[in-house]
Amino acid sequence: MGMVLPLPRYTLRDLEQFPEDGNRYELVDGVLLVTPAPALTHQVVANRLQLQLSRVLVSAGHAHVAGPGAVTVEPATQLQPDILVFPARFSPMLKWMDITEHWLAVEVLSRSSRMYDREVKRAAYFALGVRQLWLVDWRDRSVEVWRSPHARRAVRDVIRWRVPTLDLVVPIDLHELFAAIE
């Protein structure tokens, strides 16, 4: 019979003490998730997507698009999506934990974070009230669009994202997003 080892539990205060070493340190209900710094391709894809979202949402004053962002709930949860979209009524001068509405979280899948993003973080985002999650797989040239923890749709051409509370649809052309990435 195996022995159960207790996992150490951390808080947001503990998270502040971790080194700035390029790794991403996140908490889900006190459990520490550590992933290495993103690779160049990961960052290029995230940047392109952030630019496409910003062109429509930020310039019109509808939302803020941050990359990376943070979904924070005291005392022991902080997730850092590659991109986070939240309503413009929240000032960028606020702390992450003061932003209480999150329209879209985006994770660009990496070999090192794939399991966490798909299994652990996906469920946590919805439990924290994120309205929609995109899992971007540049190797497969697709995006998994999650509208709930159990409603997934794979997209390979154009995402047509209906912005919550607005009569606005943002088209994201995946051919443009993945151009010259192989």
Foldseek 3Di string as FASTA:
>chain_A
DDDDDDAAFDWPVVVVPDDPPQWDWWFDRRHTDIFHHDDPVQLLLLVVVLVLVCVPQVVVQFWDKDAFAWQDDPTTGIDTARIWIAGSVDDPVDDNPPGQETAEGEHEDDPRCNCCVLPVVLQRCVVSPHQWYWYHDLVVLWIWIGRHSPDTDIDNAWDFDCTPPDRGTRIDGSCVSNPPPD
